[in-house]
N, C-alpha and C. Protein backbone atom coordinates (compact mmCIF):
# COMPACT_ATOMS: atom_id res chain seq x y z
N MET A 1 28.19 69.05 -11.62
CA MET A 1 29.46 68.35 -11.52
C MET A 1 29.29 67.05 -10.73
N ALA A 2 28.63 67.14 -9.60
CA ALA A 2 28.47 65.95 -8.76
C ALA A 2 27.58 64.90 -9.42
N LEU A 3 26.62 65.34 -10.21
CA LEU A 3 25.73 64.40 -10.88
C LEU A 3 26.42 63.71 -12.05
N PHE A 4 27.50 64.25 -12.54
CA PHE A 4 28.23 63.63 -13.64
C PHE A 4 29.10 62.47 -13.17
N ILE A 5 29.48 62.47 -11.91
CA ILE A 5 30.39 61.44 -11.38
C ILE A 5 29.82 60.03 -11.54
N PRO A 6 28.56 59.76 -11.19
CA PRO A 6 28.06 58.38 -11.40
C PRO A 6 28.02 57.95 -12.87
N THR A 7 27.80 58.90 -13.77
CA THR A 7 27.73 58.53 -15.18
C THR A 7 29.08 58.09 -15.73
N ILE A 8 30.16 58.52 -15.10
CA ILE A 8 31.49 58.09 -15.54
C ILE A 8 31.60 56.58 -15.43
N PHE A 9 31.14 56.03 -14.33
CA PHE A 9 31.27 54.60 -14.10
C PHE A 9 30.19 53.80 -14.82
N ILE A 10 29.05 54.44 -15.16
CA ILE A 10 27.98 53.73 -15.84
C ILE A 10 28.19 53.72 -17.36
N PHE A 11 28.48 54.89 -17.94
CA PHE A 11 28.52 55.01 -19.39
C PHE A 11 29.93 55.14 -19.96
N TYR A 12 30.86 55.69 -19.20
CA TYR A 12 32.20 55.97 -19.72
C TYR A 12 33.23 55.12 -18.98
N ASN A 13 34.48 55.28 -19.34
CA ASN A 13 35.53 54.64 -18.57
C ASN A 13 36.16 55.67 -17.64
N GLU A 14 37.10 55.26 -16.84
CA GLU A 14 37.66 56.14 -15.82
C GLU A 14 38.48 57.30 -16.39
N SER A 15 38.84 57.22 -17.66
CA SER A 15 39.60 58.32 -18.26
C SER A 15 38.75 59.58 -18.42
N ALA A 16 37.44 59.45 -18.31
CA ALA A 16 36.56 60.61 -18.41
C ALA A 16 36.46 61.38 -17.10
N ALA A 17 37.16 60.93 -16.07
CA ALA A 17 37.07 61.58 -14.76
C ALA A 17 37.65 63.00 -14.79
N VAL A 18 38.53 63.30 -15.73
CA VAL A 18 39.10 64.64 -15.81
C VAL A 18 38.02 65.67 -16.14
N TYR A 19 36.94 65.22 -16.79
CA TYR A 19 35.87 66.15 -17.14
C TYR A 19 35.12 66.65 -15.91
N VAL A 20 35.16 65.92 -14.82
CA VAL A 20 34.54 66.39 -13.58
C VAL A 20 35.21 67.68 -13.13
N LEU A 21 36.52 67.72 -13.20
CA LEU A 21 37.25 68.94 -12.85
C LEU A 21 36.94 70.08 -13.81
N ILE A 22 36.88 69.77 -15.08
CA ILE A 22 36.58 70.80 -16.08
C ILE A 22 35.17 71.36 -15.87
N TYR A 23 34.19 70.49 -15.65
CA TYR A 23 32.83 70.96 -15.39
C TYR A 23 32.76 71.78 -14.10
N GLY A 24 33.53 71.40 -13.11
CA GLY A 24 33.55 72.18 -11.86
C GLY A 24 34.11 73.56 -12.06
N ILE A 25 35.17 73.68 -12.86
CA ILE A 25 35.76 74.99 -13.14
C ILE A 25 34.78 75.86 -13.91
N ILE A 26 34.12 75.27 -14.91
CA ILE A 26 33.14 76.03 -15.70
C ILE A 26 31.98 76.49 -14.82
N ALA A 27 31.50 75.62 -13.94
CA ALA A 27 30.39 75.97 -13.05
C ALA A 27 30.80 77.08 -12.08
N THR A 28 32.02 77.02 -11.57
CA THR A 28 32.50 78.06 -10.65
C THR A 28 32.60 79.40 -11.35
N ILE A 29 33.13 79.40 -12.57
CA ILE A 29 33.22 80.65 -13.33
C ILE A 29 31.83 81.22 -13.59
N GLY A 30 30.89 80.35 -13.94
CA GLY A 30 29.52 80.81 -14.16
C GLY A 30 28.89 81.40 -12.92
N ASN A 31 29.13 80.78 -11.77
CA ASN A 31 28.59 81.32 -10.52
C ASN A 31 29.22 82.65 -10.17
N LEU A 32 30.51 82.79 -10.39
CA LEU A 32 31.17 84.06 -10.09
C LEU A 32 30.68 85.17 -11.01
N LEU A 33 30.53 84.86 -12.30
CA LEU A 33 30.01 85.87 -13.23
C LEU A 33 28.57 86.24 -12.89
N GLY A 34 27.76 85.26 -12.51
CA GLY A 34 26.39 85.55 -12.13
C GLY A 34 26.30 86.43 -10.90
N SER A 35 27.12 86.19 -9.92
CA SER A 35 27.08 87.02 -8.72
C SER A 35 27.61 88.42 -9.01
N LEU A 36 28.59 88.52 -9.91
CA LEU A 36 29.08 89.85 -10.29
C LEU A 36 28.03 90.65 -11.02
N ILE A 37 27.32 90.01 -11.93
CA ILE A 37 26.25 90.70 -12.67
C ILE A 37 25.12 91.11 -11.72
N LYS A 38 24.80 90.27 -10.75
CA LYS A 38 23.74 90.60 -9.80
C LYS A 38 24.14 91.79 -8.94
N LYS A 39 25.42 91.85 -8.53
CA LYS A 39 25.87 92.98 -7.72
C LYS A 39 25.86 94.27 -8.52
N MET A 40 26.19 94.18 -9.81
CA MET A 40 26.22 95.37 -10.65
C MET A 40 24.82 95.89 -10.95
N SER A 41 23.81 95.01 -10.99
CA SER A 41 22.45 95.44 -11.33
C SER A 41 21.71 96.01 -10.12
N ASN A 42 22.19 95.77 -8.91
CA ASN A 42 21.51 96.29 -7.72
C ASN A 42 21.93 97.66 -7.38
């Protein structure tokens, strides 16, 4: 998510900034699912 922020200003216009929030939500869900699976396998 943080690495996408500079590309907004280099390659896209400022209207693409909403995707930072979307990528952050997806990354958080992935981390939560990963930690849940790890807890279940131990």
